[in-house]
Amino acid sequence: MNQKSSATTSKYRFVLVGSGWRAQYYIRVAKALPDVFELCAVYCRTEEKAAQVAVEHGIHTTISIEECVSYRPDFVVVAVTKTSIAEVSLAWLQRGFTVLCETPVAVDLDTLKRIRAYTDNNQAAKLVVAEQYQFYPEYIALRRLLEKGLIGAPDFLTLSVAHDYHAASLIRTFLGVSSDTDFTVTAKTFSFPTTETLTRYEHHTDGRITDKKRTLAVFAFADGKTALYDFDSEQYRSPIRGNFLKIQGCRGEIMNRRITYLDQNNQPKSSELVIESRQLETTNSNPNFHTVTEITRITFENEILYTPEFGLCGLSQDETAIAHLMKQTAEYARGTAGSLYTLREAIQDAYMGILLRQADEAGVTVESSQVLL
């Protein structure tokens, strides 16, 4: 399909396939940035669901694929269940559209190989995976510090921020590991009693306790770099489970927002990222979105490392990262930019996640094999 018809318009136009938890992030981005993005339609499988989503969000919905095709959007967002993402994305690619799909690109090795084979054999196919974590404002700022060489080349990382494929992306990004680097992974999962607090949809205050799983793993890369993975799914929302990040290089380390390093005279210095933000109250009844924290600026030793790409618009870190990927995907579709996060990287990160789970289930160290991909 010829997508050049959108190139003369100022807004980036997209169709959204899906209406669940992750799909709603794209709806919020479109509403926050109406001068940047145009949501042509949300495609739903049933009339009942389409009517429900239209009323809940005040947007146009449809059950017609032909109608979605007729809009000739810059890109199609696929935000369906993990087990369906690959098949639905391939279907829209085959219709000639650029696709921005939710993570992971596939949940098993056979599907990863099929996607790789399809895109290798169809060079015009443009598939981007919405791996947003590395584009969080705070992590953009840390990456810029790493690029300055302040702590030297990073070689060891402890990451307790996100789960398997998301963590894989951050590990490779912060350590500077390429997508064709072999690795081994060893993993083990433990179970601990935890008081439930905040879920995707509810805030529990009755003190209920359930067992939650925490996975520890070690990724050892062929280039000598190493990552310690530590994650419990409660970290995504629970106010009593925090995140932790440590990046070490030969001249210093980054520990969360504190950077300790040697100056030009080899004298130790220590400073922190200064993250400025504002909080906004919303009308969203979901406790996760009732209050939004928007980062307005990040500095380090008075140097500005981050300012909002779209100005102040009321988006959280996650939504800001998604908006960045949406813009880059639209420009990739129009031929004015390359892919911000290549499919090769997305496949490698999904592959690392799959091998992490294999190592955990089998209780053995698993070795990667690039022959598989």
Protein backbone atom coordinates (compact mmCIF):
# COMPACT_ATOMS: atom_id res chain seq x y z
CA MET A 1 0.00 0.00 0.00
CA ASN A 2 1.22 3.48 -0.88
CA GLN A 3 1.40 5.47 2.34
CA LYS A 4 2.83 8.66 0.85
CA SER A 5 -0.59 10.31 0.90
CA SER A 6 -0.10 11.16 4.59
CA ALA A 7 3.29 12.77 4.06
CA THR A 8 1.80 16.15 3.16
CA THR A 9 -0.29 16.35 6.36
CA SER A 10 1.06 17.75 9.59
CA LYS A 11 -0.48 15.26 11.99
CA TYR A 12 0.70 11.69 12.39
CA ARG A 13 -2.34 9.51 11.68
CA PHE A 14 -2.86 6.04 13.12
CA VAL A 15 -5.38 3.28 13.62
CA LEU A 16 -5.44 1.41 16.93
CA VAL A 17 -6.15 -2.33 16.95
CA GLY A 18 -7.21 -3.40 20.44
CA SER A 19 -8.88 -1.74 23.40
CA GLY A 20 -7.32 -3.27 26.52
CA TRP A 21 -4.91 -1.96 29.15
CA ARG A 22 -2.01 -1.09 26.82
CA ALA A 23 -4.25 0.18 24.03
CA GLN A 24 -5.55 2.86 26.37
CA TYR A 25 -2.06 4.38 26.63
CA TYR A 26 -2.24 5.28 22.92
CA ILE A 27 -5.68 6.79 23.39
CA ARG A 28 -4.39 8.99 26.21
CA VAL A 29 -1.39 10.08 24.13
CA ALA A 30 -3.62 11.02 21.20
CA LYS A 31 -5.89 13.05 23.47
CA ALA A 32 -2.96 14.79 25.16
CA LEU A 33 -1.33 15.70 21.82
CA PRO A 34 -4.20 16.45 19.38
CA ASP A 35 -1.98 18.69 17.26
CA VAL A 36 0.57 15.89 16.82
CA PHE A 37 -1.47 12.69 16.48
CA GLU A 38 -4.79 11.85 14.88
CA LEU A 39 -6.46 8.64 16.04
CA CYS A 40 -8.53 7.70 13.00
CA ALA A 41 -10.32 4.78 14.63
CA VAL A 42 -10.06 2.03 17.23
CA TYR A 43 -10.72 -1.38 15.69
CA CYS A 44 -12.69 -3.77 17.91
CA ARG A 45 -13.80 -7.32 17.15
CA THR A 46 -17.42 -6.98 18.29
CA GLU A 47 -20.09 -4.31 18.06
CA GLU A 48 -20.64 -4.51 21.82
CA LYS A 49 -16.98 -3.80 22.56
CA ALA A 50 -16.82 -1.03 19.97
CA ALA A 51 -19.84 0.68 21.52
CA GLN A 52 -18.41 0.35 25.03
CA VAL A 53 -15.02 1.82 24.07
CA ALA A 54 -16.64 4.66 22.12
CA VAL A 55 -18.70 5.70 25.14
CA GLU A 56 -15.91 5.24 27.71
CA HIS A 57 -13.31 7.24 25.80
CA GLY A 58 -15.35 9.48 23.51
CA ILE A 59 -13.59 8.25 20.39
CA HIS A 60 -14.52 6.71 17.05
CA THR A 61 -14.53 2.90 16.94
CA THR A 62 -15.24 0.40 14.20
CA ILE A 63 -15.53 -3.34 13.56
CA SER A 64 -14.62 -2.89 9.88
CA ILE A 65 -11.09 -3.62 8.72
CA GLU A 66 -12.01 -2.12 5.34
CA GLU A 67 -12.87 1.15 7.05
CA CYS A 68 -9.51 1.16 8.86
CA VAL A 69 -7.71 0.54 5.55
CA SER A 70 -9.59 3.40 3.91
CA TYR A 71 -8.11 5.95 6.33
CA ARG A 72 -4.63 5.25 4.91
CA PRO A 73 -2.93 5.96 8.26
CA ASP A 74 0.79 6.49 8.69
CA PHE A 75 0.91 3.44 10.92
CA VAL A 76 -1.23 0.86 12.69
CA VAL A 77 -0.82 0.21 16.42
CA VAL A 78 -1.37 -3.42 17.40
CA ALA A 79 -2.16 -3.61 21.13
CA VAL A 80 -3.80 -7.02 21.61
CA THR A 81 -2.98 -9.99 23.87
CA LYS A 82 0.63 -11.21 23.92
CA THR A 83 -0.30 -14.49 22.26
CA SER A 84 -2.01 -12.67 19.38
CA ILE A 85 0.40 -9.78 18.76
CA ALA A 86 2.57 -11.58 16.20
CA GLU A 87 -0.29 -12.90 14.04
CA VAL A 88 -2.24 -9.63 14.07
CA SER A 89 0.92 -7.63 13.29
CA LEU A 90 1.76 -9.90 10.35
CA ALA A 91 -1.77 -9.49 9.00
CA TRP A 92 -1.47 -5.69 8.97
CA LEU A 93 2.04 -5.85 7.51
CA GLN A 94 0.65 -7.98 4.69
CA ARG A 95 -1.91 -5.27 4.01
CA GLY A 96 1.01 -2.92 3.39
CA PHE A 97 0.97 -0.87 6.58
CA THR A 98 3.77 0.14 8.91
CA VAL A 99 3.01 -1.52 12.24
CA LEU A 100 3.86 -0.41 15.77
CA CYS A 101 3.12 -3.44 17.93
CA GLU A 102 3.08 -3.88 21.68
CA THR A 103 5.63 -6.11 23.40
CA PRO A 104 6.86 -8.74 23.01
CA VAL A 105 7.14 -9.23 19.26
CA ALA A 106 6.64 -12.98 19.90
CA VAL A 107 6.41 -15.30 22.91
CA ASP A 108 8.12 -18.37 21.41
CA LEU A 109 11.12 -19.17 19.20
CA ASP A 110 9.14 -20.54 16.25
CA THR A 111 7.13 -17.32 15.96
CA LEU A 112 10.28 -15.22 16.30
CA LYS A 113 11.78 -17.13 13.38
CA ARG A 114 8.64 -16.66 11.28
CA ILE A 115 8.64 -12.91 11.83
CA ARG A 116 12.33 -12.70 11.02
CA ALA A 117 11.83 -14.76 7.84
CA TYR A 118 8.86 -12.65 6.72
CA THR A 119 10.62 -9.33 7.16
CA ASP A 120 13.84 -10.66 5.59
CA ASN A 121 11.86 -11.77 2.53
CA ASN A 122 9.76 -8.60 2.38
CA GLN A 123 12.19 -5.73 2.60
CA ALA A 124 9.41 -3.13 2.37
CA ALA A 125 7.74 -4.45 5.53
CA LYS A 126 8.14 -2.02 8.43
CA LEU A 127 7.54 -3.46 11.90
CA VAL A 128 8.45 -1.50 15.02
CA VAL A 129 8.03 -2.90 18.52
CA ALA A 130 6.87 -0.50 21.25
CA GLU A 131 9.69 -1.22 23.70
CA GLN A 132 9.34 2.02 25.60
CA TYR A 133 11.51 1.73 28.71
CA GLN A 134 14.78 2.95 27.21
CA PHE A 135 12.94 6.11 26.13
CA TYR A 136 11.74 7.07 29.61
CA PRO A 137 12.94 10.65 30.30
CA GLU A 138 15.01 9.49 33.29
CA TYR A 139 16.72 6.76 31.27
CA ILE A 140 17.33 9.08 28.32
CA ALA A 141 19.21 11.34 30.76
CA LEU A 142 21.26 8.42 32.13
CA ARG A 143 22.11 7.25 28.61
CA ARG A 144 23.40 10.72 27.78
CA LEU A 145 25.64 10.61 30.85
CA LEU A 146 26.97 7.21 29.76
CA GLU A 147 27.67 8.58 26.28
CA LYS A 148 29.86 11.26 27.88
CA GLY A 149 32.09 8.52 29.33
CA LEU A 150 31.74 9.87 32.85
CA ILE A 151 32.08 6.44 34.48
CA GLY A 152 34.06 4.85 31.65
CA ALA A 153 32.67 2.05 29.47
CA PRO A 154 29.91 0.29 31.48
CA ASP A 155 30.67 -3.38 32.11
CA PHE A 156 28.45 -4.46 35.02
CA LEU A 157 24.78 -3.75 35.65
CA THR A 158 22.27 -4.59 38.36
CA LEU A 159 18.74 -4.06 37.10
CA SER A 160 15.58 -4.31 39.19
CA VAL A 161 13.22 -2.24 37.07
CA ALA A 162 11.21 -4.34 34.59
CA HIS A 163 10.55 -7.95 33.58
CA ASP A 164 12.14 -10.22 30.98
CA TYR A 165 12.09 -8.64 27.47
CA HIS A 166 11.79 -5.10 28.88
CA ALA A 167 14.75 -5.80 31.15
CA ALA A 168 16.69 -7.30 28.23
CA SER A 169 16.29 -4.07 26.28
CA LEU A 170 17.51 -1.96 29.21
CA ILE A 171 20.42 -4.32 29.90
CA ARG A 172 21.66 -4.13 26.31
CA THR A 173 21.04 -0.37 26.14
CA PHE A 174 22.90 0.54 29.33
CA LEU A 175 25.78 -1.91 28.78
CA GLY A 176 26.08 -1.09 25.07
CA VAL A 177 25.66 -4.74 24.04
CA SER A 178 24.86 -5.27 20.36
CA SER A 179 21.95 -7.43 19.21
CA ASP A 180 24.27 -10.12 17.81
CA THR A 181 26.27 -10.74 20.98
CA ASP A 182 26.05 -14.26 22.39
CA PHE A 183 25.31 -14.77 26.07
CA THR A 184 24.51 -17.28 28.79
CA VAL A 185 21.75 -16.92 31.36
CA THR A 186 21.19 -18.58 34.72
CA ALA A 187 17.99 -17.94 36.67
CA LYS A 188 15.99 -18.97 39.72
CA THR A 189 12.58 -17.88 41.03
CA PHE A 190 11.68 -17.50 44.70
CA SER A 191 8.35 -16.89 46.39
CA PHE A 192 7.74 -14.41 49.23
CA PRO A 193 4.63 -13.26 51.12
CA THR A 194 3.70 -9.73 50.09
CA THR A 195 0.90 -7.40 51.11
CA GLU A 196 -1.21 -6.50 48.09
CA THR A 197 -1.60 -2.78 47.46
CA LEU A 198 -2.16 -1.53 43.92
CA THR A 199 -3.21 -3.64 40.92
CA ARG A 200 -3.94 -2.47 37.38
CA TYR A 201 -7.45 -1.53 38.37
CA GLU A 202 -7.81 -1.50 42.17
CA HIS A 203 -6.19 -0.16 45.33
CA HIS A 204 -6.33 -2.75 48.13
CA THR A 205 -6.25 -1.46 51.71
CA ASP A 206 -7.45 -4.55 53.61
CA GLY A 207 -3.93 -5.89 54.23
CA ARG A 208 -4.39 -9.10 52.25
CA ILE A 209 -1.19 -11.10 51.81
CA THR A 210 -0.34 -13.38 48.88
CA ASP A 211 2.78 -15.11 47.66
CA LYS A 212 4.63 -13.16 44.96
CA LYS A 213 7.46 -14.47 42.81
CA ARG A 214 10.85 -12.81 42.47
CA THR A 215 13.27 -13.95 39.77
CA LEU A 216 17.03 -13.52 40.00
CA ALA A 217 19.19 -14.10 36.93
CA VAL A 218 22.68 -13.50 35.58
CA PHE A 219 23.33 -12.63 31.94
CA ALA A 220 26.97 -13.09 30.93
CA PHE A 221 27.78 -11.70 27.47
CA ALA A 222 30.52 -12.88 25.13
CA ASP A 223 32.09 -9.39 25.18
CA GLY A 224 32.75 -9.73 28.92
CA LYS A 225 29.88 -7.59 30.15
CA THR A 226 27.55 -8.92 32.85
CA ALA A 227 24.08 -8.10 34.16
CA LEU A 228 22.31 -9.14 37.34
CA TYR A 229 18.53 -9.26 36.83
CA ASP A 230 16.25 -9.00 39.86
CA PHE A 231 12.51 -8.54 39.49
CA ASP A 232 9.18 -8.97 41.23
CA SER A 233 6.05 -8.02 39.28
CA GLU A 234 4.80 -6.02 42.30
CA GLN A 235 7.44 -3.41 41.43
CA TYR A 236 5.36 -2.07 38.58
CA ARG A 237 2.78 -0.54 40.88
CA SER A 238 3.28 -1.35 44.57
CA PRO A 239 4.25 1.62 46.79
CA ILE A 240 6.20 -0.79 49.05
CA ARG A 241 8.32 -2.32 46.26
CA GLY A 242 10.81 0.05 44.64
CA ASN A 243 13.10 -0.13 41.63
CA PHE A 244 16.89 -0.26 41.67
CA LEU A 245 19.51 0.40 39.01
CA LYS A 246 23.31 0.27 39.30
CA ILE A 247 25.68 0.68 36.34
CA GLN A 248 29.41 0.29 36.92
CA GLY A 249 32.34 1.30 34.75
CA CYS A 250 36.07 1.50 35.41
CA ARG A 251 35.85 5.18 36.47
CA GLY A 252 32.69 5.22 38.51
CA GLU A 253 29.13 4.05 38.92
CA ILE A 254 25.55 5.17 38.60
CA MET A 255 23.32 4.09 41.47
CA ASN A 256 19.75 5.11 40.74
CA ARG A 257 20.06 8.90 40.46
CA ARG A 258 23.47 9.29 42.15
CA ILE A 259 26.59 9.31 39.97
CA THR A 260 29.99 8.75 41.58
CA TYR A 261 33.00 9.20 39.32
CA LEU A 262 36.61 10.31 38.96
CA ASP A 263 37.27 13.76 37.55
CA GLN A 264 40.10 14.69 35.15
CA ASN A 265 42.53 14.71 38.08
CA ASN A 266 41.33 11.26 39.18
CA GLN A 267 39.67 12.75 42.25
CA PRO A 268 36.33 11.25 43.32
CA LYS A 269 33.18 13.29 42.81
CA SER A 270 29.54 12.55 43.52
CA SER A 271 26.46 14.29 42.14
CA GLU A 272 22.81 13.47 41.49
CA LEU A 273 20.44 13.79 38.59
CA VAL A 274 18.04 16.59 39.39
CA ILE A 275 14.61 15.57 38.16
CA GLU A 276 12.01 18.32 38.09
CA SER A 277 8.37 17.35 37.72
CA ARG A 278 4.80 18.44 38.24
CA GLN A 279 1.75 16.51 39.37
CA LEU A 280 -1.61 16.78 37.68
CA GLU A 281 -4.98 15.54 38.91
CA THR A 282 -7.12 13.79 36.28
CA THR A 283 -10.72 12.61 36.06
CA ASN A 284 -9.60 9.02 35.45
CA SER A 285 -11.16 6.74 38.07
CA ASN A 286 -8.33 4.21 37.82
CA PRO A 287 -6.03 4.74 40.85
CA ASN A 288 -2.99 4.32 38.61
CA PHE A 289 -3.92 7.37 36.55
CA HIS A 290 -5.80 9.61 38.96
CA THR A 291 -2.57 11.57 39.51
CA VAL A 292 0.00 11.94 36.73
CA THR A 293 3.62 12.87 37.39
CA GLU A 294 5.09 14.65 34.37
CA ILE A 295 8.84 15.23 34.16
CA THR A 296 9.57 18.79 33.12
CA ARG A 297 13.39 18.83 33.11
CA ILE A 298 16.39 16.71 34.09
CA THR A 299 19.81 18.20 34.80
CA PHE A 300 23.18 16.99 36.03
CA GLU A 301 25.66 19.47 37.49
CA ASN A 302 23.62 22.28 35.90
CA GLU A 303 23.71 20.69 32.43
CA ILE A 304 20.30 20.05 30.89
CA LEU A 305 19.99 16.40 29.83
CA TYR A 306 16.27 16.28 29.11
CA THR A 307 13.38 18.57 28.29
CA PRO A 308 9.96 17.36 27.06
CA GLU A 309 9.93 16.72 23.33
CA PHE A 310 6.27 17.73 23.03
CA GLY A 311 6.28 20.42 25.70
CA LEU A 312 4.18 20.17 28.85
CA CYS A 313 1.17 18.04 27.96
CA GLY A 314 0.34 16.00 31.06
CA LEU A 315 1.92 12.67 30.11
CA SER A 316 3.64 10.24 32.49
CA GLN A 317 7.10 8.79 31.77
CA ASP A 318 5.56 5.72 30.17
CA GLU A 319 3.19 7.72 27.98
CA THR A 320 5.95 10.19 27.05
CA ALA A 321 8.09 7.26 25.87
CA ILE A 322 5.19 5.82 23.89
CA ALA A 323 4.54 9.19 22.23
CA HIS A 324 8.21 9.36 21.23
CA LEU A 325 7.99 5.90 19.62
CA MET A 326 4.76 6.82 17.83
CA LYS A 327 6.32 9.92 16.29
CA GLN A 328 9.44 8.03 15.21
CA THR A 329 7.33 5.22 13.73
CA ALA A 330 5.28 7.70 11.70
CA GLU A 331 8.45 9.29 10.33
CA TYR A 332 9.83 5.83 9.55
CA ALA A 333 6.62 5.09 7.64
CA ARG A 334 6.91 8.34 5.71
CA GLY A 335 10.53 7.60 4.84
CA THR A 336 11.95 10.60 6.70
CA ALA A 337 13.69 8.57 9.44
CA GLY A 338 14.91 5.10 10.22
CA SER A 339 13.51 2.80 12.87
CA LEU A 340 14.33 4.04 16.37
CA TYR A 341 14.31 0.51 17.80
CA THR A 342 15.17 -1.98 15.08
CA LEU A 343 13.34 -5.26 14.60
CA ARG A 344 16.64 -7.07 15.06
CA GLU A 345 16.91 -5.54 18.53
CA ALA A 346 13.30 -6.39 19.34
CA ILE A 347 13.82 -10.01 18.29
CA GLN A 348 16.99 -10.26 20.39
CA ASP A 349 15.27 -8.82 23.46
CA ALA A 350 12.33 -11.22 23.10
CA TYR A 351 14.85 -14.04 22.61
CA MET A 352 16.67 -13.07 25.81
CA GLY A 353 13.35 -13.12 27.64
CA ILE A 354 12.50 -16.58 26.32
CA LEU A 355 15.89 -17.99 27.32
CA LEU A 356 15.57 -16.38 30.75
CA ARG A 357 12.34 -18.31 31.29
CA GLN A 358 13.91 -21.52 29.95
CA ALA A 359 16.84 -21.21 32.33
CA ASP A 360 14.50 -20.59 35.24
CA GLU A 361 12.21 -23.53 34.44
CA ALA A 362 15.04 -26.00 33.74
CA GLY A 363 17.31 -24.86 36.55
CA VAL A 364 20.35 -24.83 34.27
CA THR A 365 22.53 -22.27 32.51
CA VAL A 366 21.23 -21.73 28.98
CA GLU A 367 23.46 -20.64 26.11
CA SER A 368 22.26 -18.48 23.25
CA SER A 369 22.70 -19.50 19.64
CA GLN A 370 22.46 -16.85 16.98
CA VAL A 371 21.88 -19.64 14.45
CA LEU A 372 18.33 -19.81 15.79
CA LEU A 373 17.65 -16.26 14.69
